[in-house]
Amino acid sequence: MQPPATVDPTRINLQSTIAVNYWCQVLKCSETQLRNAVLAVGPLPADVRTYLDR
């Protein structure tokens, strides 16, 4: 899935509704799960994916 032009593919920006919706789709998680993961491991998508997969 190609990110929208306004979404940084290298970082998860929780301040952007578009980014949150995109990353929830890509990572197949809820917004709450995404927010908790970013708070736990930071905004890098690879780290968030690993956290969510555990």
Protein backbone atom coordinates (compact mmCIF):
# COMPACT_ATOMS: atom_id res chain seq x y z
CA MET A 1 0.00 0.00 0.00
CA GLN A 2 1.41 3.35 -1.05
CA PRO A 3 1.17 6.04 1.67
CA PRO A 4 -0.71 9.24 0.87
CA ALA A 5 1.54 12.14 -0.11
CA THR A 6 1.04 13.75 3.30
CA VAL A 7 2.22 10.66 5.24
CA ASP A 8 5.91 10.21 6.11
CA PRO A 9 6.67 6.53 5.41
CA THR A 10 9.61 6.55 7.84
CA ARG A 11 7.79 7.74 10.99
CA ILE A 12 4.35 7.32 12.54
CA ASN A 13 2.88 10.73 13.28
CA LEU A 14 0.10 10.38 15.85
CA GLN A 15 -0.87 14.04 15.36
CA SER A 16 -2.11 13.37 11.81
CA THR A 17 -5.48 11.66 11.37
CA ILE A 18 -4.52 10.64 7.84
CA ALA A 19 -1.27 9.07 9.07
CA VAL A 20 -3.00 7.26 11.95
CA ASN A 21 -5.63 5.83 9.59
CA TYR A 22 -2.95 4.77 7.09
CA TRP A 23 -0.76 3.05 9.69
CA CYS A 24 -3.75 1.30 11.28
CA GLN A 25 -4.57 -0.19 7.88
CA VAL A 26 -0.98 -1.15 7.11
CA LEU A 27 -0.32 -2.66 10.53
CA LYS A 28 -3.82 -4.16 10.88
CA CYS A 29 -4.41 -2.70 14.32
CA SER A 30 -6.75 -0.36 16.11
CA GLU A 31 -5.93 3.28 16.78
CA THR A 32 -5.53 2.50 20.48
CA GLN A 33 -3.10 -0.33 19.73
CA LEU A 34 -1.13 1.95 17.41
CA ARG A 35 -0.95 4.77 19.95
CA ASN A 36 0.12 2.40 22.73
CA ALA A 37 2.80 0.85 20.52
CA VAL A 38 4.23 4.24 19.52
CA LEU A 39 4.28 5.32 23.16
CA ALA A 40 6.07 2.09 24.09
CA VAL A 41 8.71 1.85 21.34
CA GLY A 42 8.73 5.15 19.43
CA PRO A 43 7.57 6.26 15.98
CA LEU A 44 9.60 3.96 13.72
CA PRO A 45 7.27 1.64 11.78
CA ALA A 46 9.58 -1.40 12.04
CA ASP A 47 9.73 -1.10 15.83
CA VAL A 48 5.96 -0.64 16.07
CA ARG A 49 5.36 -3.68 13.83
CA THR A 50 7.64 -5.82 16.01
CA TYR A 51 5.87 -4.60 19.15
CA LEU A 52 2.42 -5.35 17.71
CA ASP A 53 3.49 -8.80 16.48
CA ARG A 54 4.65 -9.99 19.89
